[in-house]
Amino acid sequence: MFVCLCQAVSDSTIRAVIRSGARTVEAVGIASAAGTKCGKCRGMIATMIGREHEVLVGPGGPGSGESTR
């Protein structure tokens, strides 16, 4: 599914970029061009970053801002 229609960037491409180390919407844009035109997809990209972070480190993991106690 396309997340960024302006640049034709799919959800799988964005997930791959996040898994490769992109931790901000801006970093995803640099790596994939997603979110660099009209910006309507930037909220979805931010959500995807959060979800992928949880997959990689688990809920409440390091850098999540949540307590693990």
N, C-alpha and C. Protein backbone atom coordinates (compact mmCIF):
# COMPACT_ATOMS: atom_id res chain seq x y z
N MET A 1 0.84 -1.17 0.00
CA MET A 1 0.00 0.00 0.00
C MET A 1 0.90 1.24 0.00
N PHE A 2 0.50 2.24 -0.77
CA PHE A 2 1.25 3.48 -0.78
C PHE A 2 0.91 4.32 0.45
N VAL A 3 1.93 4.79 1.12
CA VAL A 3 1.76 5.71 2.24
C VAL A 3 1.93 7.13 1.71
N CYS A 4 2.95 7.34 0.90
CA CYS A 4 3.21 8.65 0.30
C CYS A 4 2.81 8.59 -1.17
N LEU A 5 1.67 9.18 -1.48
CA LEU A 5 1.19 9.16 -2.86
C LEU A 5 2.01 10.07 -3.77
N CYS A 6 2.43 11.22 -3.25
CA CYS A 6 3.18 12.18 -4.07
C CYS A 6 4.48 11.57 -4.62
N GLN A 7 5.15 10.79 -3.78
CA GLN A 7 6.45 10.23 -4.16
C GLN A 7 6.36 8.72 -4.45
N ALA A 8 5.16 8.16 -4.39
CA ALA A 8 4.91 6.74 -4.65
C ALA A 8 5.80 5.84 -3.79
N VAL A 9 5.73 6.05 -2.46
CA VAL A 9 6.53 5.26 -1.53
C VAL A 9 5.58 4.36 -0.73
N SER A 10 5.88 3.08 -0.73
CA SER A 10 5.01 2.11 -0.09
C SER A 10 5.33 1.93 1.40
N ASP A 11 4.39 1.31 2.09
CA ASP A 11 4.59 1.01 3.51
C ASP A 11 5.77 0.07 3.72
N SER A 12 5.96 -0.88 2.83
CA SER A 12 7.09 -1.81 2.98
C SER A 12 8.43 -1.09 2.82
N THR A 13 8.49 -0.13 1.92
CA THR A 13 9.72 0.65 1.75
C THR A 13 10.00 1.47 3.00
N ILE A 14 8.97 2.10 3.55
CA ILE A 14 9.14 2.92 4.75
C ILE A 14 9.57 2.05 5.93
N ARG A 15 8.95 0.88 6.08
CA ARG A 15 9.35 -0.03 7.17
C ARG A 15 10.81 -0.45 7.01
N ALA A 16 11.23 -0.73 5.80
CA ALA A 16 12.63 -1.12 5.57
C ALA A 16 13.59 0.01 5.93
N VAL A 17 13.21 1.24 5.60
CA VAL A 17 14.04 2.40 5.93
C VAL A 17 14.13 2.57 7.45
N ILE A 18 13.02 2.40 8.13
CA ILE A 18 13.00 2.51 9.59
C ILE A 18 13.88 1.41 10.21
N ARG A 19 13.74 0.20 9.72
CA ARG A 19 14.53 -0.92 10.24
C ARG A 19 16.01 -0.76 9.94
N SER A 20 16.31 0.05 8.94
CA SER A 20 17.72 0.33 8.61
C SER A 20 18.30 1.44 9.46
N GLY A 21 17.48 2.05 10.32
CA GLY A 21 18.02 3.03 11.25
C GLY A 21 17.37 4.40 11.26
N ALA A 22 16.44 4.69 10.35
CA ALA A 22 15.77 6.00 10.36
C ALA A 22 14.87 6.09 11.59
N ARG A 23 15.04 7.11 12.40
CA ARG A 23 14.28 7.26 13.64
C ARG A 23 13.40 8.51 13.67
N THR A 24 13.43 9.30 12.60
CA THR A 24 12.59 10.50 12.52
C THR A 24 11.91 10.54 11.16
N VAL A 25 10.85 11.33 11.07
CA VAL A 25 10.16 11.51 9.80
C VAL A 25 11.13 12.10 8.78
N GLU A 26 11.96 13.02 9.23
CA GLU A 26 12.93 13.65 8.34
C GLU A 26 13.93 12.63 7.79
N ALA A 27 14.39 11.73 8.65
CA ALA A 27 15.34 10.70 8.21
C ALA A 27 14.70 9.76 7.21
N VAL A 28 13.43 9.42 7.42
CA VAL A 28 12.71 8.58 6.45
C VAL A 28 12.61 9.31 5.12
N GLY A 29 12.35 10.61 5.16
CA GLY A 29 12.26 11.41 3.94
C GLY A 29 13.57 11.46 3.19
N ILE A 30 14.66 11.61 3.91
CA ILE A 30 15.98 11.64 3.26
C ILE A 30 16.26 10.31 2.57
N ALA A 31 15.92 9.22 3.24
CA ALA A 31 16.22 7.89 2.70
C ALA A 31 15.28 7.44 1.60
N SER A 32 14.02 7.94 1.62
CA SER A 32 13.03 7.40 0.69
C SER A 32 12.25 8.44 -0.10
N ALA A 33 12.36 9.69 0.25
CA ALA A 33 11.59 10.82 -0.31
C ALA A 33 10.17 10.88 0.22
N ALA A 34 9.74 9.91 1.03
CA ALA A 34 8.40 9.94 1.59
C ALA A 34 8.23 11.17 2.49
N GLY A 35 7.12 11.85 2.36
CA GLY A 35 6.82 13.00 3.20
C GLY A 35 7.51 14.28 2.82
N THR A 36 8.15 14.31 1.66
CA THR A 36 8.93 15.49 1.29
C THR A 36 8.22 16.42 0.31
N LYS A 37 7.01 16.09 -0.09
CA LYS A 37 6.27 16.99 -0.98
C LYS A 37 5.16 17.68 -0.22
N CYS A 38 3.95 17.16 -0.27
CA CYS A 38 2.82 17.85 0.36
C CYS A 38 2.81 17.70 1.88
N GLY A 39 3.37 16.60 2.40
CA GLY A 39 3.46 16.39 3.84
C GLY A 39 2.28 15.71 4.49
N LYS A 40 1.23 15.39 3.74
CA LYS A 40 0.04 14.77 4.34
C LYS A 40 0.34 13.40 4.96
N CYS A 41 1.36 12.73 4.51
CA CYS A 41 1.68 11.39 5.01
C CYS A 41 2.61 11.41 6.22
N ARG A 42 3.08 12.57 6.61
CA ARG A 42 4.07 12.64 7.69
C ARG A 42 3.53 12.08 9.01
N GLY A 43 2.27 12.25 9.30
CA GLY A 43 1.68 11.68 10.51
C GLY A 43 1.70 10.17 10.49
N MET A 44 1.38 9.59 9.34
CA MET A 44 1.40 8.14 9.20
C MET A 44 2.83 7.61 9.32
N ILE A 45 3.78 8.33 8.76
CA ILE A 45 5.19 7.92 8.86
C ILE A 45 5.62 7.94 10.34
N ALA A 46 5.23 8.96 11.07
CA ALA A 46 5.57 9.04 12.50
C ALA A 46 4.96 7.87 13.26
N THR A 47 3.72 7.52 12.94
CA THR A 47 3.07 6.37 13.57
C THR A 47 3.82 5.09 13.25
N MET A 48 4.24 4.95 12.00
CA MET A 48 4.99 3.76 11.59
C MET A 48 6.32 3.66 12.33
N ILE A 49 6.98 4.79 12.54
CA ILE A 49 8.24 4.80 13.28
C ILE A 49 7.99 4.28 14.69
N GLY A 50 6.94 4.77 15.34
CA GLY A 50 6.61 4.31 16.69
C GLY A 50 6.31 2.82 16.74
N ARG A 51 5.54 2.34 15.79
CA ARG A 51 5.19 0.92 15.76
C ARG A 51 6.41 0.05 15.51
N GLU A 52 7.25 0.44 14.57
CA GLU A 52 8.45 -0.33 14.28
C GLU A 52 9.41 -0.32 15.46
N HIS A 53 9.48 0.81 16.16
CA HIS A 53 10.34 0.88 17.34
C HIS A 53 9.86 -0.13 18.38
N GLU A 54 8.54 -0.24 18.57
CA GLU A 54 8.00 -1.21 19.52
C GLU A 54 8.32 -2.64 19.08
N VAL A 55 8.26 -2.91 17.79
CA VAL A 55 8.59 -4.23 17.27
C VAL A 55 10.05 -4.55 17.54
N LEU A 56 10.92 -3.56 17.34
CA LEU A 56 12.36 -3.79 17.48
C LEU A 56 12.81 -3.89 18.93
N VAL A 57 12.25 -3.06 19.83
CA VAL A 57 12.74 -3.04 21.21
C VAL A 57 11.68 -3.42 22.23
N GLY A 58 10.44 -3.55 21.81
CA GLY A 58 9.36 -3.90 22.71
C GLY A 58 8.75 -2.67 23.36
N PRO A 59 7.49 -2.78 23.77
CA PRO A 59 6.83 -1.65 24.43
C PRO A 59 7.57 -1.30 25.72
N GLY A 60 7.79 -0.03 25.93
CA GLY A 60 8.49 0.42 27.13
C GLY A 60 9.97 0.19 27.08
N GLY A 61 10.49 -0.16 25.90
CA GLY A 61 11.92 -0.42 25.75
C GLY A 61 12.73 0.86 25.81
N PRO A 62 14.03 0.74 25.69
CA PRO A 62 14.91 1.91 25.76
C PRO A 62 14.51 2.99 24.76
N GLY A 63 14.45 4.21 25.22
CA GLY A 63 14.14 5.33 24.35
C GLY A 63 12.67 5.53 24.08
N SER A 64 11.80 4.73 24.70
CA SER A 64 10.37 4.85 24.42
C SER A 64 9.71 5.92 25.29
N GLY A 65 10.39 6.30 26.36
CA GLY A 65 9.78 7.26 27.27
C GLY A 65 8.84 6.63 28.27
N GLU A 66 8.63 5.30 28.17
CA GLU A 66 7.76 4.60 29.09
C GLU A 66 8.59 3.89 30.13
N SER A 67 8.07 3.84 31.33
CA SER A 67 8.74 3.12 32.41
C SER A 67 8.55 1.62 32.24
N THR A 68 9.56 0.85 32.55
CA THR A 68 9.45 -0.61 32.45
C THR A 68 9.27 -1.24 33.82
N ARG A 69 9.04 -0.43 34.85
CA ARG A 69 8.88 -0.95 36.22
C ARG A 69 7.50 -1.51 36.42
